[in-house]
Amino acid sequence: MTETNVGAIVALKSPEEGENIWEAKQVSLGRSLPPGDVQGRKPIDWSFGPVKVDGYVDPDSFRIGLLIVITGINIGNIYGNLKDGVSLKIDIYTTEGEMRFFLKNDNEL
């Protein structure tokens, strides 16, 4: 997965006194996972029900970077190494639980 724009940072300016025009100006982009060295990375694009996982795994180092979305809520980016396992505990209004990413049989995600 290459870097993806997940939103925009916008500055909202209220009208001057006696005016009625608001101004919205994009300041920057909201980025997902950093691009880094993308050669050799294998993309992850998986979803099931309300859960969507995008990201990458480096099959040589077992480093993983994931962008997690649950019920349309961007949980954020998580990083780690599959050798150690990567876990995410979730407690939001719509969902509670835990996601775990690890190597099974030393080579299966």
PDB file of N, CA and C in Angstrom:
ATOM      1  N   MET A   1       0.853  -1.173   0.000  1.00  0.00           N
ATOM      2  CA  MET A   1       0.000   0.000   0.000  1.00  0.00           C
ATOM      3  C   MET A   1       0.891   1.226   0.000  1.00  0.00           C
ATOM      4  N   THR A   2       0.608   2.133  -0.867  1.00  0.00           N
ATOM      5  CA  THR A   2       1.315   3.400  -0.847  1.00  0.00           C
ATOM      6  C   THR A   2       0.566   4.355   0.060  1.00  0.00           C
ATOM      7  N   GLU A   3       1.148   5.517   0.258  1.00  0.00           N
ATOM      8  CA  GLU A   3       0.502   6.512   1.109  1.00  0.00           C
ATOM      9  C   GLU A   3      -0.857   6.864   0.527  1.00  0.00           C
ATOM     10  N   THR A   4      -1.850   7.008   1.380  1.00  0.00           N
ATOM     11  CA  THR A   4      -3.202   7.334   0.964  1.00  0.00           C
ATOM     12  C   THR A   4      -3.670   8.560   1.715  1.00  0.00           C
ATOM     13  N   ASN A   5      -4.384   9.417   1.025  1.00  0.00           N
ATOM     14  CA  ASN A   5      -4.987  10.570   1.687  1.00  0.00           C
ATOM     15  C   ASN A   5      -6.299  10.125   2.308  1.00  0.00           C
ATOM     16  N   VAL A   6      -6.443  10.332   3.600  1.00  0.00           N
ATOM     17  CA  VAL A   6      -7.652   9.902   4.291  1.00  0.00           C
ATOM     18  C   VAL A   6      -8.549  11.071   4.668  1.00  0.00           C
ATOM     19  N   GLY A   7      -8.144  12.246   4.327  1.00  0.00           N
ATOM     20  CA  GLY A   7      -8.953  13.411   4.651  1.00  0.00           C
ATOM     21  C   GLY A   7      -8.177  14.673   4.377  1.00  0.00           C
ATOM     22  N   ALA A   8      -8.710  15.750   4.875  1.00  0.00           N
ATOM     23  CA  ALA A   8      -8.076  17.044   4.682  1.00  0.00           C
ATOM     24  C   ALA A   8      -8.127  17.827   5.980  1.00  0.00           C
ATOM     25  N   ILE A   9      -7.106  18.627   6.208  1.00  0.00           N
ATOM     26  CA  ILE A   9      -7.087  19.549   7.333  1.00  0.00           C
ATOM     27  C   ILE A   9      -7.572  20.882   6.779  1.00  0.00           C
ATOM     28  N   VAL A  10      -8.658  21.378   7.328  1.00  0.00           N
ATOM     29  CA  VAL A  10      -9.306  22.578   6.791  1.00  0.00           C
ATOM     30  C   VAL A  10      -9.388  23.645   7.867  1.00  0.00           C
ATOM     31  N   ALA A  11      -9.046  24.866   7.488  1.00  0.00           N
ATOM     32  CA  ALA A  11      -9.213  26.020   8.380  1.00  0.00           C
ATOM     33  C   ALA A  11     -10.509  26.715   7.988  1.00  0.00           C
ATOM     34  N   LEU A  12     -11.353  26.974   8.969  1.00  0.00           N
ATOM     35  CA  LEU A  12     -12.631  27.634   8.729  1.00  0.00           C
ATOM     36  C   LEU A  12     -12.580  29.029   9.326  1.00  0.00           C
ATOM     37  N   LYS A  13     -12.814  30.023   8.485  1.00  0.00           N
ATOM     38  CA  LYS A  13     -12.749  31.420   8.911  1.00  0.00           C
ATOM     39  C   LYS A  13     -14.155  32.001   8.914  1.00  0.00           C
ATOM     40  N   SER A  14     -14.520  32.614  10.037  1.00  0.00           N
ATOM     41  CA  SER A  14     -15.854  33.214  10.149  1.00  0.00           C
ATOM     42  C   SER A  14     -15.905  34.534   9.381  1.00  0.00           C
ATOM     43  N   PRO A  15     -17.109  34.988   9.054  1.00  0.00           N
ATOM     44  CA  PRO A  15     -17.251  36.230   8.287  1.00  0.00           C
ATOM     45  C   PRO A  15     -16.767  37.449   9.082  1.00  0.00           C
ATOM     46  N   GLU A  16     -16.280  38.429   8.350  1.00  0.00           N
ATOM     47  CA  GLU A  16     -15.937  39.713   8.959  1.00  0.00           C
ATOM     48  C   GLU A  16     -17.233  40.355   9.447  1.00  0.00           C
ATOM     49  N   GLU A  17     -17.113  41.287  10.361  1.00  0.00           N
ATOM     50  CA  GLU A  17     -18.302  41.975  10.871  1.00  0.00           C
ATOM     51  C   GLU A  17     -19.026  42.659   9.712  1.00  0.00           C
ATOM     52  N   GLY A  18     -20.316  42.447   9.638  1.00  0.00           N
ATOM     53  CA  GLY A  18     -21.141  43.015   8.574  1.00  0.00           C
ATOM     54  C   GLY A  18     -21.163  42.174   7.308  1.00  0.00           C
ATOM     55  N   GLU A  19     -20.390  41.111   7.261  1.00  0.00           N
ATOM     56  CA  GLU A  19     -20.351  40.218   6.094  1.00  0.00           C
ATOM     57  C   GLU A  19     -21.074  38.915   6.434  1.00  0.00           C
ATOM     58  N   ASN A  20     -21.331  38.093   5.423  1.00  0.00           N
ATOM     59  CA  ASN A  20     -22.004  36.817   5.667  1.00  0.00           C
ATOM     60  C   ASN A  20     -21.347  35.658   4.916  1.00  0.00           C
ATOM     61  N   ILE A  21     -20.084  35.823   4.551  1.00  0.00           N
ATOM     62  CA  ILE A  21     -19.389  34.784   3.795  1.00  0.00           C
ATOM     63  C   ILE A  21     -18.339  34.112   4.680  1.00  0.00           C
ATOM     64  N   TRP A  22     -18.525  32.816   4.886  1.00  0.00           N
ATOM     65  CA  TRP A  22     -17.549  31.994   5.594  1.00  0.00           C
ATOM     66  C   TRP A  22     -16.515  31.524   4.583  1.00  0.00           C
ATOM     67  N   GLU A  23     -15.297  31.237   5.032  1.00  0.00           N
ATOM     68  CA  GLU A  23     -14.257  30.734   4.144  1.00  0.00           C
ATOM     69  C   GLU A  23     -13.683  29.434   4.703  1.00  0.00           C
ATOM     70  N   ALA A  24     -13.644  28.434   3.858  1.00  0.00           N
ATOM     71  CA  ALA A  24     -13.009  27.162   4.210  1.00  0.00           C
ATOM     72  C   ALA A  24     -11.818  26.981   3.283  1.00  0.00           C
ATOM     73  N   LYS A  25     -10.628  26.818   3.877  1.00  0.00           N
ATOM     74  CA  LYS A  25      -9.418  26.675   3.078  1.00  0.00           C
ATOM     75  C   LYS A  25      -8.655  25.438   3.541  1.00  0.00           C
ATOM     76  N   GLN A  26      -8.338  24.589   2.582  1.00  0.00           N
ATOM     77  CA  GLN A  26      -7.568  23.394   2.912  1.00  0.00           C
ATOM     78  C   GLN A  26      -6.141  23.797   3.246  1.00  0.00           C
ATOM     79  N   VAL A  27      -5.681  23.347   4.421  1.00  0.00           N
ATOM     80  CA  VAL A  27      -4.340  23.663   4.885  1.00  0.00           C
ATOM     81  C   VAL A  27      -3.361  22.554   4.500  1.00  0.00           C
ATOM     82  N   SER A  28      -3.784  21.309   4.666  1.00  0.00           N
ATOM     83  CA  SER A  28      -2.931  20.174   4.312  1.00  0.00           C
ATOM     84  C   SER A  28      -3.799  18.936   4.143  1.00  0.00           C
ATOM     85  N   LEU A  29      -3.148  17.830   3.856  1.00  0.00           N
ATOM     86  CA  LEU A  29      -3.847  16.559   3.710  1.00  0.00           C
ATOM     87  C   LEU A  29      -3.701  15.726   4.969  1.00  0.00           C
ATOM     88  N   GLY A  30      -4.726  14.946   5.288  1.00  0.00           N
ATOM     89  CA  GLY A  30      -4.615  13.931   6.329  1.00  0.00           C
ATOM     90  C   GLY A  30      -4.062  12.683   5.670  1.00  0.00           C
ATOM     91  N   ARG A  31      -2.942  12.202   6.140  1.00  0.00           N
ATOM     92  CA  ARG A  31      -2.264  11.068   5.505  1.00  0.00           C
ATOM     93  C   ARG A  31      -2.516   9.771   6.272  1.00  0.00           C
ATOM     94  N   SER A  32      -2.427   8.688   5.539  1.00  0.00           N
ATOM     95  CA  SER A  32      -2.526   7.382   6.190  1.00  0.00           C
ATOM     96  C   SER A  32      -1.115   6.888   6.479  1.00  0.00           C
ATOM     97  N   LEU A  33      -0.828   5.709   6.088  1.00  0.00           N
ATOM     98  CA  LEU A  33       0.469   5.112   6.385  1.00  0.00           C
ATOM     99  C   LEU A  33       1.578   5.820   5.619  1.00  0.00           C
ATOM    100  N   PRO A  34       2.743   5.955   6.224  1.00  0.00           N
ATOM    101  CA  PRO A  34       3.845   6.622   5.533  1.00  0.00           C
ATOM    102  C   PRO A  34       4.331   5.789   4.354  1.00  0.00           C
ATOM    103  N   PRO A  35       4.799   6.450   3.303  1.00  0.00           N
ATOM    104  CA  PRO A  35       5.215   5.693   2.131  1.00  0.00           C
ATOM    105  C   PRO A  35       6.453   4.848   2.371  1.00  0.00           C
ATOM    106  N   GLY A  36       7.471   5.398   3.014  1.00  0.00           N
ATOM    107  CA  GLY A  36       8.677   4.620   3.305  1.00  0.00           C
ATOM    108  C   GLY A  36       9.211   3.906   2.082  1.00  0.00           C
ATOM    109  N   ASP A  37       9.856   2.791   2.287  1.00  0.00           N
ATOM    110  CA  ASP A  37      10.394   1.981   1.202  1.00  0.00           C
ATOM    111  C   ASP A  37       9.332   0.969   0.814  1.00  0.00           C
ATOM    112  N   VAL A  38       8.606   1.250  -0.252  1.00  0.00           N
ATOM    113  CA  VAL A  38       7.473   0.406  -0.609  1.00  0.00           C
ATOM    114  C   VAL A  38       7.870  -0.822  -1.420  1.00  0.00           C
ATOM    115  N   GLN A  39       9.108  -0.867  -1.886  1.00  0.00           N
ATOM    116  CA  GLN A  39       9.535  -2.039  -2.645  1.00  0.00           C
ATOM    117  C   GLN A  39       9.571  -3.258  -1.735  1.00  0.00           C
ATOM    118  N   GLY A  40       8.972  -4.313  -2.192  1.00  0.00           N
ATOM    119  CA  GLY A  40       8.973  -5.540  -1.421  1.00  0.00           C
ATOM    120  C   GLY A  40       7.782  -5.687  -0.490  1.00  0.00           C
ATOM    121  N   ARG A  41       7.085  -4.607  -0.216  1.00  0.00           N
ATOM    122  CA  ARG A  41       5.907  -4.706   0.650  1.00  0.00           C
ATOM    123  C   ARG A  41       4.774  -5.389  -0.100  1.00  0.00           C
ATOM    124  N   LYS A  42       4.007  -6.159   0.629  1.00  0.00           N
ATOM    125  CA  LYS A  42       2.819  -6.787   0.068  1.00  0.00           C
ATOM    126  C   LYS A  42       1.601  -6.073   0.638  1.00  0.00           C
ATOM    127  N   PRO A  43       0.661  -5.666  -0.219  1.00  0.00           N
ATOM    128  CA  PRO A  43      -0.500  -4.926   0.269  1.00  0.00           C
ATOM    129  C   PRO A  43      -1.466  -5.819   1.039  1.00  0.00           C
ATOM    130  N   ILE A  44      -2.129  -5.208   1.995  1.00  0.00           N
ATOM    131  CA  ILE A  44      -3.213  -5.855   2.732  1.00  0.00           C
ATOM    132  C   ILE A  44      -4.463  -5.037   2.465  1.00  0.00           C
ATOM    133  N   ASP A  45      -5.501  -5.687   1.987  1.00  0.00           N
ATOM    134  CA  ASP A  45      -6.790  -5.039   1.732  1.00  0.00           C
ATOM    135  C   ASP A  45      -7.852  -6.062   2.106  1.00  0.00           C
ATOM    136  N   TRP A  46      -8.350  -5.975   3.336  1.00  0.00           N
ATOM    137  CA  TRP A  46      -9.256  -6.990   3.870  1.00  0.00           C
ATOM    138  C   TRP A  46     -10.422  -6.307   4.562  1.00  0.00           C
ATOM    139  N   SER A  47     -11.599  -6.866   4.402  1.00  0.00           N
ATOM    140  CA  SER A  47     -12.754  -6.345   5.134  1.00  0.00           C
ATOM    141  C   SER A  47     -13.703  -7.488   5.448  1.00  0.00           C
ATOM    142  N   PHE A  48     -14.410  -7.313   6.546  1.00  0.00           N
ATOM    143  CA  PHE A  48     -15.419  -8.276   6.960  1.00  0.00           C
ATOM    144  C   PHE A  48     -16.439  -7.514   7.787  1.00  0.00           C
ATOM    145  N   GLY A  49     -17.675  -7.466   7.313  1.00  0.00           N
ATOM    146  CA  GLY A  49     -18.703  -6.708   8.026  1.00  0.00           C
ATOM    147  C   GLY A  49     -18.286  -5.256   8.173  1.00  0.00           C
ATOM    148  N   PRO A  50     -18.305  -4.732   9.397  1.00  0.00           N
ATOM    149  CA  PRO A  50     -17.982  -3.316   9.607  1.00  0.00           C
ATOM    150  C   PRO A  50     -16.491  -3.024   9.745  1.00  0.00           C
ATOM    151  N   VAL A  51     -15.642  -4.042   9.582  1.00  0.00           N
ATOM    152  CA  VAL A  51     -14.200  -3.869   9.796  1.00  0.00           C
ATOM    153  C   VAL A  51     -13.480  -3.834   8.451  1.00  0.00           C
ATOM    154  N   LYS A  52     -12.623  -2.819   8.270  1.00  0.00           N
ATOM    155  CA  LYS A  52     -11.800  -2.715   7.065  1.00  0.00           C
ATOM    156  C   LYS A  52     -10.357  -2.497   7.491  1.00  0.00           C
ATOM    157  N   VAL A  53      -9.470  -3.283   6.912  1.00  0.00           N
ATOM    158  CA  VAL A  53      -8.045  -3.195   7.218  1.00  0.00           C
ATOM    159  C   VAL A  53      -7.290  -2.998   5.906  1.00  0.00           C
ATOM    160  N   ASP A  54      -6.564  -1.902   5.805  1.00  0.00           N
ATOM    161  CA  ASP A  54      -5.678  -1.633   4.676  1.00  0.00           C
ATOM    162  C   ASP A  54      -4.276  -1.509   5.226  1.00  0.00           C
ATOM    163  N   GLY A  55      -3.309  -1.834   4.424  1.00  0.00           N
ATOM    164  CA  GLY A  55      -1.944  -1.664   4.893  1.00  0.00           C
ATOM    165  C   GLY A  55      -0.963  -2.470   4.090  1.00  0.00           C
ATOM    166  N   TYR A  56       0.098  -2.872   4.760  1.00  0.00           N
ATOM    167  CA  TYR A  56       1.157  -3.608   4.093  1.00  0.00           C
ATOM    168  C   TYR A  56       1.857  -4.519   5.091  1.00  0.00           C
ATOM    169  N   VAL A  57       2.527  -5.515   4.538  1.00  0.00           N
ATOM    170  CA  VAL A  57       3.438  -6.352   5.311  1.00  0.00           C
ATOM    171  C   VAL A  57       4.709  -6.503   4.481  1.00  0.00           C
ATOM    172  N   ASP A  58       5.833  -6.400   5.138  1.00  0.00           N
ATOM    173  CA  ASP A  58       7.119  -6.634   4.491  1.00  0.00           C
ATOM    174  C   ASP A  58       7.492  -8.085   4.761  1.00  0.00           C
ATOM    175  N   PRO A  59       7.456  -8.948   3.743  1.00  0.00           N
ATOM    176  CA  PRO A  59       7.696 -10.374   3.976  1.00  0.00           C
ATOM    177  C   PRO A  59       9.127 -10.700   4.395  1.00  0.00           C
ATOM    178  N   ASP A  60      10.058  -9.781   4.193  1.00  0.00           N
ATOM    179  CA  ASP A  60      11.442 -10.032   4.601  1.00  0.00           C
ATOM    180  C   ASP A  60      11.668  -9.730   6.077  1.00  0.00           C
ATOM    181  N   SER A  61      11.099  -8.617   6.551  1.00  0.00           N
ATOM    182  CA  SER A  61      11.318  -8.205   7.945  1.00  0.00           C
ATOM    183  C   SER A  61      10.119  -8.507   8.844  1.00  0.00           C
ATOM    184  N   PHE A  62       8.970  -8.823   8.238  1.00  0.00           N
ATOM    185  CA  PHE A  62       7.706  -9.060   8.938  1.00  0.00           C
ATOM    186  C   PHE A  62       7.151  -7.797   9.597  1.00  0.00           C
ATOM    187  N   ARG A  63       7.634  -6.622   9.168  1.00  0.00           N
ATOM    188  CA  ARG A  63       7.046  -5.370   9.653  1.00  0.00           C
ATOM    189  C   ARG A  63       5.684  -5.203   9.003  1.00  0.00           C
ATOM    190  N   ILE A  64       4.770  -4.617   9.781  1.00  0.00           N
ATOM    191  CA  ILE A  64       3.408  -4.436   9.309  1.00  0.00           C
ATOM    192  C   ILE A  64       2.951  -3.018   9.645  1.00  0.00           C
ATOM    193  N   GLY A  65       2.203  -2.438   8.735  1.00  0.00           N
ATOM    194  CA  GLY A  65       1.582  -1.136   8.961  1.00  0.00           C
ATOM    195  C   GLY A  65       0.135  -1.238   8.526  1.00  0.00           C
ATOM    196  N   LEU A  66      -0.779  -0.850   9.397  1.00  0.00           N
ATOM    197  CA  LEU A  66      -2.198  -1.037   9.120  1.00  0.00           C
ATOM    198  C   LEU A  66      -2.986   0.232   9.387  1.00  0.00           C
ATOM    199  N   LEU A  67      -3.974   0.478   8.537  1.00  0.00           N
ATOM    200  CA  LEU A  67      -4.963   1.528   8.742  1.00  0.00           C
ATOM    201  C   LEU A  67      -6.274   0.805   9.023  1.00  0.00           C
ATOM    202  N   ILE A  68      -6.813   0.988  10.223  1.00  0.00           N
ATOM    203  CA  ILE A  68      -7.999   0.259  10.670  1.00  0.00           C
ATOM    204  C   ILE A  68      -9.209   1.190  10.651  1.00  0.00           C
ATOM    205  N   VAL A  69     -10.301   0.732  10.026  1.00  0.00           N
ATOM    206  CA  VAL A  69     -11.570   1.460  10.024  1.00  0.00           C
ATOM    207  C   VAL A  69     -12.643   0.506  10.525  1.00  0.00           C
ATOM    208  N   ILE A  70     -13.393   0.942  11.546  1.00  0.00           N
ATOM    209  CA  ILE A  70     -14.466   0.121  12.112  1.00  0.00           C
ATOM    210  C   ILE A  70     -15.742   0.945  12.119  1.00  0.00           C
ATOM    211  N   THR A  71     -16.787   0.397  11.545  1.00  0.00           N
ATOM    212  CA  THR A  71     -18.079   1.076  11.392  1.00  0.00           C
ATOM    213  C   THR A  71     -17.905   2.498  10.868  1.00  0.00           C
ATOM    214  N   GLY A  72     -17.003   2.653   9.911  1.00  0.00           N
ATOM    215  CA  GLY A  72     -16.771   3.953   9.297  1.00  0.00           C
ATOM    216  C   GLY A  72     -15.902   4.894  10.104  1.00  0.00           C
ATOM    217  N   ILE A  73     -15.440   4.468  11.269  1.00  0.00           N
ATOM    218  CA  ILE A  73     -14.602   5.308  12.131  1.00  0.00           C
ATOM    219  C   ILE A  73     -13.141   4.936  11.895  1.00  0.00           C
ATOM    220  N   ASN A  74     -12.342   5.926  11.502  1.00  0.00           N
ATOM    221  CA  ASN A  74     -10.917   5.701  11.292  1.00  0.00           C
ATOM    222  C   ASN A  74     -10.257   5.572  12.657  1.00  0.00           C
ATOM    223  N   ILE A  75      -9.866   4.368  13.016  1.00  0.00           N
ATOM    224  CA  ILE A  75      -9.239   4.118  14.311  1.00  0.00           C
ATOM    225  C   ILE A  75      -7.816   4.657  14.319  1.00  0.00           C
ATOM    226  N   GLY A  76      -7.145   4.580  13.196  1.00  0.00           N
ATOM    227  CA  GLY A  76      -5.790   5.111  13.104  1.00  0.00           C
ATOM    228  C   GLY A  76      -4.827   4.108  12.522  1.00  0.00           C
ATOM    229  N   ASN A  77      -3.573   4.496  12.527  1.00  0.00           N
ATOM    230  CA  ASN A  77      -2.501   3.668  11.988  1.00  0.00           C
ATOM    231  C   ASN A  77      -1.818   2.918  13.122  1.00  0.00           C
ATOM    232  N   ILE A  78      -1.584   1.634  12.917  1.00  0.00           N
ATOM    233  CA  ILE A  78      -0.820   0.864  13.890  1.00  0.00           C
ATOM    234  C   ILE A  78       0.336   0.188  13.161  1.00  0.00           C
ATOM    235  N   TYR A  79       1.436   0.029  13.881  1.00  0.00           N
ATOM    236  CA  TYR A  79       2.654  -0.532  13.315  1.00  0.00           C
ATOM    237  C   TYR A  79       3.201  -1.585  14.262  1.00  0.00           C
ATOM    238  N   GLY A  80       3.995  -2.457  13.734  1.00  0.00           N
ATOM    239  CA  GLY A  80       4.655  -3.435  14.579  1.00  0.00           C
ATOM    240  C   GLY A  80       5.342  -4.486  13.748  1.00  0.00           C
ATOM    241  N   ASN A  81       5.713  -5.555  14.414  1.00  0.00           N
ATOM    242  CA  ASN A  81       6.375  -6.661  13.760  1.00  0.00           C
ATOM    243  C   ASN A  81       5.597  -7.932  14.057  1.00  0.00           C
ATOM    244  N   LEU A  82       5.289  -8.666  13.018  1.00  0.00           N
ATOM    245  CA  LEU A  82       4.491  -9.877  13.188  1.00  0.00           C
ATOM    246  C   LEU A  82       5.195 -10.936  14.027  1.00  0.00           C
ATOM    247  N   LYS A  83       6.515 -10.881  14.098  1.00  0.00           N
ATOM    248  CA  LYS A  83       7.243 -11.825  14.950  1.00  0.00           C
ATOM    249  C   LYS A  83       6.837 -11.646  16.414  1.00  0.00           C
ATOM    250  N   ASP A  84       6.604 -10.386  16.809  1.00  0.00           N
ATOM    251  CA  ASP A  84       6.204 -10.071  18.185  1.00  0.00           C
ATOM    252  C   ASP A  84       4.694 -10.109  18.360  1.00  0.00           C
ATOM    253  N   GLY A  85       3.955 -10.005  17.253  1.00  0.00           N
ATOM    254  CA  GLY A  85       2.506  -9.883  17.306  1.00  0.00           C
ATOM    255  C   GLY A  85       2.117  -8.424  17.480  1.00  0.00           C
ATOM    256  N   VAL A  86       1.011  -8.052  16.886  1.00  0.00           N
ATOM    257  CA  VAL A  86       0.491  -6.689  16.979  1.00  0.00           C
ATOM    258  C   VAL A  86      -0.971  -6.804  17.387  1.00  0.00           C
ATOM    259  N   SER A  87      -1.349  -6.143  18.485  1.00  0.00           N
ATOM    260  CA  SER A  87      -2.725  -6.208  18.983  1.00  0.00           C
ATOM    261  C   SER A  87      -3.305  -4.811  19.100  1.00  0.00           C
ATOM    262  N   LEU A  88      -4.600  -4.716  18.922  1.00  0.00           N
ATOM    263  CA  LEU A  88      -5.324  -3.459  19.058  1.00  0.00           C
ATOM    264  C   LEU A  88      -6.575  -3.722  19.880  1.00  0.00           C
ATOM    265  N   LYS A  89      -6.664  -3.094  21.052  1.00  0.00           N
ATOM    266  CA  LYS A  89      -7.880  -3.172  21.857  1.00  0.00           C
ATOM    267  C   LYS A  89      -8.789  -2.030  21.434  1.00  0.00           C
ATOM    268  N   ILE A  90     -10.063  -2.342  21.233  1.00  0.00           N
ATOM    269  CA  ILE A  90     -11.021  -1.376  20.708  1.00  0.00           C
ATOM    270  C   ILE A  90     -12.150  -1.204  21.706  1.00  0.00           C
ATOM    271  N   ASP A  91     -12.459   0.036  22.007  1.00  0.00           N
ATOM    272  CA  ASP A  91     -13.596   0.357  22.875  1.00  0.00           C
ATOM    273  C   ASP A  91     -14.191   1.669  22.388  1.00  0.00           C
ATOM    274  N   ILE A  92     -15.052   1.562  21.372  1.00  0.00           N
ATOM    275  CA  ILE A  92     -15.765   2.729  20.856  1.00  0.00           C
ATOM    276  C   ILE A  92     -17.253   2.453  21.025  1.00  0.00           C
ATOM    277  N   TYR A  93     -18.087   3.446  20.798  1.00  0.00           N
ATOM    278  CA  TYR A  93     -19.519   3.277  21.042  1.00  0.00           C
ATOM    279  C   TYR A  93     -20.115   2.095  20.297  1.00  0.00           C
ATOM    280  N   THR A  94     -19.648   1.850  19.080  1.00  0.00           N
ATOM    281  CA  THR A  94     -20.251   0.798  18.265  1.00  0.00           C
ATOM    282  C   THR A  94     -19.587  -0.565  18.400  1.00  0.00           C
ATOM    283  N   THR A  95     -18.373  -0.593  18.918  1.00  0.00           N
ATOM    284  CA  THR A  95     -17.599  -1.834  18.885  1.00  0.00           C
ATOM    285  C   THR A  95     -16.671  -1.936  20.084  1.00  0.00           C
ATOM    286  N   GLU A  96     -16.582  -3.147  20.616  1.00  0.00           N
ATOM    287  CA  GLU A  96     -15.633  -3.416  21.692  1.00  0.00           C
ATOM    288  C   GLU A  96     -15.001  -4.770  21.418  1.00  0.00           C
ATOM    289  N   GLY A  97     -13.699  -4.846  21.563  1.00  0.00           N
ATOM    290  CA  GLY A  97     -13.025  -6.114  21.334  1.00  0.00           C
ATOM    291  C   GLY A  97     -11.548  -5.922  21.103  1.00  0.00           C
ATOM    292  N   GLU A  98     -10.948  -6.910  20.459  1.00  0.00           N
ATOM    293  CA  GLU A  98      -9.514  -6.876  20.215  1.00  0.00           C
ATOM    294  C   GLU A  98      -9.207  -7.504  18.862  1.00  0.00           C
ATOM    295  N   MET A  99      -8.265  -6.903  18.162  1.00  0.00           N
ATOM    296  CA  MET A  99      -7.764  -7.452  16.903  1.00  0.00           C
ATOM    297  C   MET A  99      -6.313  -7.851  17.130  1.00  0.00           C
ATOM    298  N   ARG A 100      -5.939  -9.010  16.600  1.00  0.00           N
ATOM    299  CA  ARG A 100      -4.564  -9.490  16.754  1.00  0.00           C
ATOM    300  C   ARG A 100      -4.019  -9.903  15.392  1.00  0.00           C
ATOM    301  N   PHE A 101      -2.801  -9.490  15.135  1.00  0.00           N
ATOM    302  CA  PHE A 101      -2.104  -9.852  13.909  1.00  0.00           C
ATOM    303  C   PHE A 101      -0.805 -10.535  14.326  1.00  0.00           C
ATOM    304  N   PHE A 102      -0.574 -11.736  13.824  1.00  0.00           N
ATOM    305  CA  PHE A 102       0.600 -12.493  14.256  1.00  0.00           C
ATOM    306  C   PHE A 102       0.942 -13.537  13.200  1.00  0.00           C
ATOM    307  N   LEU A 103       2.107 -14.121  13.336  1.00  0.00           N
ATOM    308  CA  LEU A 103       2.527 -15.192  12.443  1.00  0.00           C
ATOM    309  C   LEU A 103       2.022 -16.525  12.979  1.00  0.00           C
ATOM    310  N   LYS A 104       1.372 -17.256  12.124  1.00  0.00           N
ATOM    311  CA  LYS A 104       0.913 -18.597  12.460  1.00  0.00           C
ATOM    312  C   LYS A 104       1.843 -19.562  11.724  1.00  0.00           C
ATOM    313  N   ASN A 105       2.334 -20.550  12.394  1.00  0.00           N
ATOM    314  CA  ASN A 105       3.279 -21.513  11.804  1.00  0.00           C
ATOM    315  C   ASN A 105       4.533 -20.823  11.268  1.00  0.00           C
ATOM    316  N   ASP A 106       4.924 -19.734  11.890  1.00  0.00           N
ATOM    317  CA  ASP A 106       6.145 -18.985  11.556  1.00  0.00           C
ATOM    318  C   ASP A 106       6.159 -18.312  10.187  1.00  0.00           C
ATOM    319  N   ASN A 107       5.076 -18.437   9.397  1.00  0.00           N
ATOM    320  CA  ASN A 107       5.102 -17.780   8.093  1.00  0.00           C
ATOM    321  C   ASN A 107       3.732 -17.409   7.539  1.00  0.00           C
ATOM    322  N   GLU A 108       2.659 -17.607   8.279  1.00  0.00           N
ATOM    323  CA  GLU A 108       1.316 -17.276   7.808  1.00  0.00           C
ATOM    324  C   GLU A 108       0.761 -16.132   8.638  1.00  0.00           C
ATOM    325  N   LEU A 109       0.141 -15.186   7.979  1.00  0.00           N
ATOM    326  CA  LEU A 109      -0.478 -14.059   8.672  1.00  0.00           C
ATOM    327  C   LEU A 109      -1.862 -14.456   9.127  1.00  0.00           C
TER     328      LEU A 109
END
